[in-house]
Amino acid sequence: CGRISGGMVLQRETENFIWGYATPGRDISLFLGAYQTAARVGEDGYFKLYLPQMQAGGPWEIRLSDGEDSITIRDILFGDVFLLGGQSNMELPVVRVMERFGEEIKTTAKQEIRMFEVPKEYAFGERRAEIENGQWMKAAGDELLLFSAAGYFAANELYEREHVPIGLLQT
């Protein structure tokens, strides 16, 4: 699932969890700084591991291991996460407002503001537990041009006021 990937922003000061699939019956360990926890993979291959409540900041790394194989998720921030919902008003990308805000946008490089765009996939008649693809983008360079303009400008204002990483989920 793309939401659980390098570059993600997780909500600060609340319990988050990481989930996935592995060989049934195996034990999966999670490492985040000095924190460690483990869970057994269910018969359906599914596991869920809880993270501690974290203060705003980062970057952090999460390592998952089953004793034989491991993966590391890098560049994780904890901050405030917002859901962007709407149609054309939220989908309008930053690239479409360059005429008015071009100079400001060209000089922006805010690694602490990130957006995940939920892929537009249609599965009529079926319910999905997970989405495929998608990636986290940073408010810098060409990636910023793909951000929701309304989302970016709101996130930037919040970031300037609070100095807390901001994650946007564009639906």
Protein backbone atom coordinates (compact mmCIF):
# COMPACT_ATOMS: atom_id res chain seq x y z
CA CYS A 1 0.00 0.00 0.00
CA GLY A 2 1.46 3.37 -0.98
CA ARG A 3 0.31 5.18 2.15
CA ILE A 4 2.78 3.12 4.19
CA SER A 5 5.95 4.09 2.42
CA GLY A 6 9.03 6.21 2.65
CA GLY A 7 8.31 9.90 2.97
CA MET A 8 5.00 9.44 4.78
CA VAL A 9 3.62 11.70 7.48
CA LEU A 10 1.84 10.09 10.43
CA GLN A 11 -0.37 11.89 12.92
CA ARG A 12 1.58 13.02 15.98
CA GLU A 13 0.57 12.31 19.58
CA THR A 14 -1.79 9.48 18.69
CA GLU A 15 -1.51 5.74 18.22
CA ASN A 16 -0.70 4.75 14.63
CA PHE A 17 -0.23 1.27 13.27
CA ILE A 18 1.59 -0.43 10.42
CA TRP A 19 0.01 -3.40 8.70
CA GLY A 20 0.91 -5.84 6.00
CA TYR A 21 1.04 -9.44 4.88
CA ALA A 22 3.66 -12.09 5.54
CA THR A 23 3.97 -15.83 5.98
CA PRO A 24 1.24 -17.08 8.37
CA GLY A 25 2.48 -17.99 11.84
CA ARG A 26 5.68 -15.96 11.63
CA ASP A 27 6.58 -13.29 14.17
CA ILE A 28 7.11 -9.78 12.80
CA SER A 29 9.17 -7.27 14.80
CA LEU A 30 8.99 -3.51 14.41
CA PHE A 31 11.80 -1.14 15.41
CA LEU A 32 11.40 2.66 15.66
CA GLY A 33 14.31 4.33 17.44
CA ALA A 34 14.53 2.62 20.86
CA TYR A 35 10.94 1.35 20.59
CA GLN A 36 10.35 -2.29 19.66
CA THR A 37 7.21 -4.40 19.38
CA ALA A 38 6.20 -7.66 17.73
CA ALA A 39 3.13 -9.51 16.51
CA ARG A 40 2.36 -12.91 15.11
CA VAL A 41 1.12 -13.10 11.52
CA GLY A 42 -2.42 -14.49 11.40
CA GLU A 43 -3.61 -17.49 9.44
CA ASP A 44 -4.77 -15.12 6.70
CA GLY A 45 -1.23 -13.70 6.42
CA TYR A 46 -2.23 -10.32 7.91
CA PHE A 47 -0.37 -8.51 10.70
CA LYS A 48 -0.78 -5.21 12.52
CA LEU A 49 1.86 -3.50 14.68
CA TYR A 50 1.19 -0.43 16.82
CA LEU A 51 3.55 2.53 17.04
CA PRO A 52 4.01 4.60 20.19
CA GLN A 53 2.57 8.09 20.39
CA MET A 54 5.25 10.33 18.89
CA GLN A 55 5.92 14.04 19.19
CA ALA A 56 6.12 16.12 16.00
CA GLY A 57 9.35 15.75 14.11
CA GLY A 58 11.59 13.38 12.25
CA PRO A 59 12.83 11.98 10.03
CA TRP A 60 12.48 8.51 11.49
CA GLU A 61 12.99 5.00 10.15
CA ILE A 62 10.85 1.96 10.81
CA ARG A 63 12.39 -1.46 10.34
CA LEU A 64 10.21 -4.56 10.03
CA SER A 65 11.76 -8.01 10.35
CA ASP A 66 10.57 -11.61 10.48
CA GLY A 67 13.99 -12.86 11.60
CA GLU A 68 15.05 -13.74 8.06
CA ASP A 69 14.04 -10.81 5.90
CA SER A 70 13.64 -7.16 6.80
CA ILE A 71 12.50 -3.94 5.20
CA THR A 72 13.17 -0.37 6.24
CA ILE A 73 10.74 2.49 5.70
CA ARG A 74 12.74 5.73 5.67
CA ASP A 75 12.12 9.46 5.98
CA ILE A 76 9.00 9.28 8.16
CA LEU A 77 7.70 12.43 9.81
CA PHE A 78 5.19 12.80 12.63
CA GLY A 79 3.00 15.89 12.45
CA ASP A 80 -0.55 16.87 11.57
CA VAL A 81 -2.37 15.02 8.80
CA PHE A 82 -5.33 16.47 6.90
CA LEU A 83 -7.77 14.93 4.45
CA LEU A 84 -8.36 17.00 1.31
CA GLY A 85 -11.79 16.28 -0.06
CA GLY A 86 -13.69 17.87 -2.89
CA GLN A 87 -13.68 17.93 -6.63
CA SER A 88 -12.11 20.51 -8.91
CA ASN A 89 -11.57 22.94 -6.04
CA MET A 90 -9.20 20.50 -4.32
CA GLU A 91 -7.81 18.86 -7.43
CA LEU A 92 -6.58 22.11 -9.01
CA PRO A 93 -2.81 21.57 -8.99
CA VAL A 94 -0.19 24.15 -8.05
CA VAL A 95 1.07 24.17 -11.66
CA ARG A 96 -2.25 25.81 -12.67
CA VAL A 97 -1.67 28.82 -10.36
CA MET A 98 1.90 29.57 -11.48
CA GLU A 99 0.82 32.75 -13.27
CA ARG A 100 -0.28 34.29 -9.99
CA PHE A 101 2.09 32.63 -7.47
CA GLY A 102 5.04 31.64 -9.68
CA GLU A 103 7.83 33.41 -7.81
CA GLU A 104 6.70 32.08 -4.43
CA ILE A 105 6.36 28.55 -5.79
CA LYS A 106 9.73 28.56 -7.60
CA THR A 107 11.53 29.37 -4.35
CA THR A 108 9.61 26.90 -2.17
CA ALA A 109 11.38 23.83 -0.84
CA LYS A 110 9.45 22.63 2.19
CA GLN A 111 10.44 19.04 2.91
CA GLU A 112 8.14 19.04 5.96
CA ILE A 113 4.97 19.51 3.86
CA ARG A 114 4.00 16.33 2.03
CA MET A 115 1.03 15.08 0.07
CA PHE A 116 -0.25 11.62 -0.80
CA GLU A 117 -2.61 11.54 -3.75
CA VAL A 118 -4.99 8.62 -3.51
CA PRO A 119 -4.91 6.93 -6.94
CA LYS A 120 -8.12 7.16 -8.93
CA GLU A 121 -8.98 3.50 -9.36
CA TYR A 122 -12.50 2.30 -9.92
CA ALA A 123 -13.83 -1.04 -8.74
CA PHE A 124 -17.58 -0.88 -9.14
CA GLY A 125 -19.43 -3.51 -7.20
CA GLU A 126 -16.55 -4.49 -4.96
CA ARG A 127 -15.19 -3.15 -1.73
CA ARG A 128 -11.45 -2.68 -1.33
CA ALA A 129 -9.49 -2.98 1.88
CA GLU A 130 -6.36 -1.43 0.35
CA ILE A 131 -5.37 0.75 -2.57
CA GLU A 132 -2.55 0.08 -4.97
CA ASN A 133 0.21 2.49 -5.97
CA GLY A 134 0.39 6.12 -4.97
CA GLN A 135 3.31 7.86 -3.34
CA TRP A 136 4.14 10.63 -0.94
CA MET A 137 5.42 13.85 -2.53
CA LYS A 138 7.32 16.74 -0.94
CA ALA A 139 6.52 20.43 -1.41
CA ALA A 140 9.64 21.10 -3.46
CA GLY A 141 10.62 21.17 -7.12
CA ASP A 142 8.50 19.37 -9.68
CA GLU A 143 6.62 17.42 -7.00
CA LEU A 144 5.18 20.67 -5.60
CA LEU A 145 3.63 21.42 -9.00
CA LEU A 146 1.44 18.30 -8.59
CA PHE A 147 0.12 19.29 -5.15
CA SER A 148 -3.43 20.47 -4.61
CA ALA A 149 -3.06 24.28 -4.71
CA ALA A 150 -5.68 24.80 -1.98
CA GLY A 151 -4.08 22.06 0.11
CA TYR A 152 -0.56 23.41 -0.30
CA PHE A 153 -1.37 27.02 0.59
CA ALA A 154 -3.38 25.93 3.67
CA ALA A 155 -0.59 23.55 4.74
CA ASN A 156 2.04 26.24 4.23
CA GLU A 157 0.13 28.68 6.43
CA LEU A 158 -0.22 26.04 9.16
CA TYR A 159 3.44 25.09 8.89
CA GLU A 160 4.60 28.71 9.15
CA ARG A 161 2.46 29.18 12.27
CA GLU A 162 3.00 25.85 14.05
CA HIS A 163 6.37 24.57 12.68
CA VAL A 164 4.99 21.04 12.64
CA PRO A 165 5.27 18.67 9.65
CA ILE A 166 2.06 18.59 7.60
CA GLY A 167 0.71 15.60 5.69
CA LEU A 168 -2.06 15.98 3.13
CA LEU A 169 -4.18 13.07 1.88
CA GLN A 170 -5.66 14.16 -1.47
CA THR A 171 -8.77 12.13 -2.19
